N, C-alpha and C. Protein backbone atom coordinates (compact mmCIF):
# COMPACT_ATOMS: atom_id res chain seq x y z
N UNK A 1 0.82 -1.20 0.00
CA UNK A 1 0.00 0.00 0.00
C UNK A 1 0.86 1.26 0.00
N UNK A 2 1.99 1.18 0.70
CA UNK A 2 2.89 2.33 0.76
C UNK A 2 3.45 2.66 -0.62
N UNK A 3 3.78 1.64 -1.38
CA UNK A 3 4.31 1.86 -2.73
C UNK A 3 3.27 2.51 -3.62
N UNK A 4 2.02 2.09 -3.51
CA UNK A 4 0.96 2.69 -4.32
C UNK A 4 0.75 4.15 -3.96
N UNK A 5 0.84 4.47 -2.69
CA UNK A 5 0.67 5.86 -2.25
C UNK A 5 1.76 6.74 -2.84
N UNK A 6 3.00 6.29 -2.71
CA UNK A 6 4.10 7.09 -3.23
C UNK A 6 4.10 7.16 -4.76
N UNK A 7 3.60 6.13 -5.42
CA UNK A 7 3.49 6.15 -6.88
C UNK A 7 2.49 7.20 -7.34
N UNK A 8 1.35 7.24 -6.68
CA UNK A 8 0.33 8.25 -7.02
C UNK A 8 0.85 9.65 -6.75
N UNK A 9 1.55 9.84 -5.63
CA UNK A 9 2.12 11.14 -5.33
C UNK A 9 3.18 11.53 -6.36
N UNK A 10 3.96 10.57 -6.81
CA UNK A 10 4.97 10.85 -7.83
C UNK A 10 4.33 11.25 -9.15
N UNK A 11 3.25 10.59 -9.53
CA UNK A 11 2.53 10.95 -10.76
C UNK A 11 1.93 12.35 -10.66
N UNK A 12 1.38 12.67 -9.50
CA UNK A 12 0.82 14.01 -9.30
C UNK A 12 1.92 15.06 -9.35
N UNK A 13 3.08 14.77 -8.76
CA UNK A 13 4.20 15.71 -8.80
C UNK A 13 4.70 15.90 -10.22
N UNK A 14 4.70 14.83 -11.00
CA UNK A 14 5.11 14.94 -12.41
C UNK A 14 4.14 15.81 -13.19
N UNK A 15 2.85 15.69 -12.91
CA UNK A 15 1.86 16.52 -13.58
C UNK A 15 2.03 17.99 -13.21
N UNK A 16 2.30 18.26 -11.94
CA UNK A 16 2.54 19.64 -11.52
C UNK A 16 3.85 20.17 -12.10
N UNK A 17 4.85 19.32 -12.24
CA UNK A 17 6.11 19.73 -12.86
C UNK A 17 5.89 20.11 -14.32
N UNK A 18 5.06 19.35 -14.99
CA UNK A 18 4.73 19.66 -16.38
C UNK A 18 4.03 21.03 -16.46
N UNK A 19 3.09 21.27 -15.57
CA UNK A 19 2.38 22.54 -15.56
C UNK A 19 3.32 23.69 -15.23
N UNK A 20 4.31 23.43 -14.40
CA UNK A 20 5.28 24.46 -14.03
C UNK A 20 6.13 24.86 -15.22
N UNK A 21 6.53 23.90 -16.03
CA UNK A 21 7.40 24.21 -17.17
C UNK A 21 6.63 24.71 -18.38
N UNK A 22 5.42 24.23 -18.59
CA UNK A 22 4.66 24.58 -19.79
C UNK A 22 3.69 25.73 -19.55
N UNK A 23 3.26 25.91 -18.32
CA UNK A 23 2.23 26.90 -18.00
C UNK A 23 2.45 28.24 -18.68
N UNK A 24 1.49 28.71 -19.45
CA UNK A 24 1.72 29.94 -20.20
C UNK A 24 1.67 31.20 -19.34
N UNK A 25 1.04 31.16 -18.20
CA UNK A 25 0.93 32.37 -17.39
C UNK A 25 1.61 32.17 -16.04
N UNK A 26 1.84 33.28 -15.38
CA UNK A 26 2.43 33.23 -14.05
C UNK A 26 1.49 32.55 -13.06
N UNK A 27 0.21 32.74 -13.23
CA UNK A 27 -0.77 32.10 -12.34
C UNK A 27 -0.69 30.58 -12.43
N UNK A 28 -0.52 30.05 -13.63
CA UNK A 28 -0.37 28.60 -13.79
C UNK A 28 0.86 28.09 -13.05
N UNK A 29 1.93 28.84 -13.13
CA UNK A 29 3.16 28.42 -12.47
C UNK A 29 3.03 28.49 -10.94
N UNK A 30 2.34 29.50 -10.45
CA UNK A 30 2.14 29.62 -9.00
C UNK A 30 1.29 28.47 -8.50
N UNK A 31 0.26 28.12 -9.21
CA UNK A 31 -0.59 27.00 -8.82
C UNK A 31 0.21 25.69 -8.86
N UNK A 32 1.09 25.55 -9.84
CA UNK A 32 1.91 24.35 -9.93
C UNK A 32 2.87 24.24 -8.74
N UNK A 33 3.50 25.35 -8.37
CA UNK A 33 4.40 25.32 -7.22
C UNK A 33 3.63 25.01 -5.95
N UNK A 34 2.46 25.60 -5.80
CA UNK A 34 1.63 25.34 -4.63
C UNK A 34 1.20 23.87 -4.60
N UNK A 35 0.85 23.32 -5.75
CA UNK A 35 0.49 21.91 -5.82
C UNK A 35 1.65 21.00 -5.47
N UNK A 36 2.86 21.36 -5.90
CA UNK A 36 4.03 20.56 -5.56
C UNK A 36 4.32 20.63 -4.06
N UNK A 37 4.05 21.79 -3.47
CA UNK A 37 4.20 21.92 -2.03
C UNK A 37 3.22 21.01 -1.29
N UNK A 38 2.00 20.97 -1.77
CA UNK A 38 0.98 20.10 -1.16
C UNK A 38 1.37 18.63 -1.33
N UNK A 39 1.88 18.27 -2.49
CA UNK A 39 2.32 16.89 -2.72
C UNK A 39 3.46 16.53 -1.76
N UNK A 40 4.39 17.45 -1.56
CA UNK A 40 5.46 17.21 -0.60
C UNK A 40 4.93 17.03 0.81
N UNK A 41 3.96 17.85 1.18
CA UNK A 41 3.34 17.73 2.50
C UNK A 41 2.64 16.38 2.65
N UNK A 42 1.96 15.95 1.59
CA UNK A 42 1.29 14.66 1.64
C UNK A 42 2.29 13.51 1.75
N UNK A 43 3.43 13.65 1.11
CA UNK A 43 4.45 12.61 1.22
C UNK A 43 4.99 12.53 2.64
N UNK A 44 5.20 13.69 3.26
CA UNK A 44 5.66 13.70 4.65
C UNK A 44 4.60 13.10 5.57
N UNK A 45 3.34 13.45 5.33
CA UNK A 45 2.25 12.92 6.16
C UNK A 45 2.11 11.41 5.97
N UNK A 46 2.26 10.94 4.74
CA UNK A 46 2.17 9.49 4.50
C UNK A 46 3.32 8.76 5.20
N UNK A 47 4.50 9.34 5.13
CA UNK A 47 5.64 8.72 5.80
C UNK A 47 5.41 8.68 7.32
N UNK A 48 4.91 9.78 7.86
CA UNK A 48 4.64 9.83 9.30
C UNK A 48 3.57 8.81 9.69
N UNK A 49 2.58 8.63 8.84
CA UNK A 49 1.51 7.67 9.14
C UNK A 49 2.03 6.23 9.07
N UNK A 50 2.84 5.93 8.06
CA UNK A 50 3.35 4.56 7.92
C UNK A 50 4.35 4.22 9.01
N UNK A 51 5.15 5.19 9.42
CA UNK A 51 6.17 4.93 10.44
C UNK A 51 5.65 5.14 11.86
N UNK A 52 4.51 5.79 11.99
CA UNK A 52 3.96 6.06 13.31
C UNK A 52 4.72 7.14 14.06
N UNK A 53 5.36 8.03 13.31
CA UNK A 53 6.16 9.09 13.91
C UNK A 53 5.38 10.40 13.86
N UNK A 54 5.05 10.92 15.02
CA UNK A 54 4.30 12.17 15.07
C UNK A 54 5.19 13.40 15.09
N UNK A 55 6.51 13.22 15.03
CA UNK A 55 7.43 14.35 15.09
C UNK A 55 7.37 15.21 13.84
N UNK A 56 6.83 14.67 12.76
CA UNK A 56 6.78 15.42 11.51
C UNK A 56 5.56 16.34 11.42
N UNK A 57 4.61 16.19 12.29
CA UNK A 57 3.39 16.98 12.20
C UNK A 57 3.61 18.47 12.42
N UNK A 58 4.45 18.91 13.37
CA UNK A 58 4.73 20.35 13.46
C UNK A 58 5.40 20.90 12.20
N UNK A 59 6.20 20.07 11.55
CA UNK A 59 6.82 20.49 10.29
C UNK A 59 5.75 20.74 9.24
N UNK A 60 4.74 19.89 9.19
CA UNK A 60 3.65 20.07 8.23
C UNK A 60 2.89 21.36 8.49
N UNK A 61 2.69 21.70 9.75
CA UNK A 61 1.99 22.94 10.09
C UNK A 61 2.79 24.14 9.61
N UNK A 62 4.08 24.13 9.85
CA UNK A 62 4.93 25.25 9.44
C UNK A 62 4.98 25.36 7.92
N UNK A 63 5.14 24.24 7.24
CA UNK A 63 5.21 24.27 5.77
C UNK A 63 3.88 24.75 5.18
N UNK A 64 2.77 24.34 5.75
CA UNK A 64 1.48 24.79 5.23
C UNK A 64 1.29 26.28 5.44
N UNK A 65 1.73 26.81 6.56
CA UNK A 65 1.61 28.25 6.79
C UNK A 65 2.51 29.04 5.85
N UNK A 66 3.73 28.58 5.65
CA UNK A 66 4.64 29.25 4.73
C UNK A 66 4.09 29.19 3.30
N UNK A 67 3.54 28.06 2.92
CA UNK A 67 2.94 27.93 1.58
C UNK A 67 1.77 28.85 1.39
N UNK A 68 0.92 28.96 2.39
CA UNK A 68 -0.24 29.84 2.30
C UNK A 68 0.19 31.30 2.17
N UNK A 69 1.12 31.72 3.01
CA UNK A 69 1.56 33.11 2.98
C UNK A 69 2.25 33.43 1.65
N UNK A 70 3.07 32.53 1.17
CA UNK A 70 3.75 32.80 -0.11
C UNK A 70 2.78 32.83 -1.27
N UNK A 71 1.81 31.95 -1.28
CA UNK A 71 0.81 31.96 -2.35
C UNK A 71 -0.03 33.22 -2.30
N UNK A 72 -0.41 33.65 -1.11
CA UNK A 72 -1.19 34.88 -0.98
C UNK A 72 -0.38 36.09 -1.42
N UNK A 73 0.90 36.11 -1.10
CA UNK A 73 1.76 37.22 -1.50
C UNK A 73 1.92 37.28 -3.01
N UNK A 74 2.13 36.16 -3.63
CA UNK A 74 2.28 36.13 -5.09
C UNK A 74 0.96 36.48 -5.77
N UNK A 75 -0.15 36.04 -5.21
CA UNK A 75 -1.46 36.39 -5.78
C UNK A 75 -1.69 37.89 -5.70
N UNK A 76 -1.29 38.50 -4.60
CA UNK A 76 -1.42 39.95 -4.47
C UNK A 76 -0.55 40.66 -5.51
N UNK A 77 0.66 40.16 -5.74
CA UNK A 77 1.55 40.74 -6.74
C UNK A 77 0.92 40.64 -8.13
N UNK A 78 0.37 39.47 -8.45
CA UNK A 78 -0.24 39.27 -9.77
C UNK A 78 -1.44 40.21 -9.93
N UNK A 79 -2.21 40.38 -8.88
CA UNK A 79 -3.39 41.24 -8.95
C UNK A 79 -3.01 42.69 -9.21
N UNK A 80 -1.93 43.15 -8.60
CA UNK A 80 -1.52 44.55 -8.76
C UNK A 80 -0.82 44.83 -10.08
N UNK A 81 0.01 43.89 -10.52
CA UNK A 81 0.85 44.14 -11.69
C UNK A 81 0.37 43.45 -12.96
N UNK A 82 -0.68 42.68 -12.85
CA UNK A 82 -1.22 42.02 -14.04
C UNK A 82 -0.34 40.96 -14.48
């Protein structure tokens, strides 16, 4: 089951990587980076669940807050500068 989880996450990361390189607009690229951040968070959460290690959960909280703030900042930039 662990292999299937990581395989699906790898496929999703590859799709976001494709969107990051091909995306015609800055908004597409920002969404791709945010999606890759979420995929990374899911990989950490899956690892923590399979290993039974709760030490990674504060890391997930910090990464999610940093991701939210950075996405909001870039969205504000795009809104102002087109």
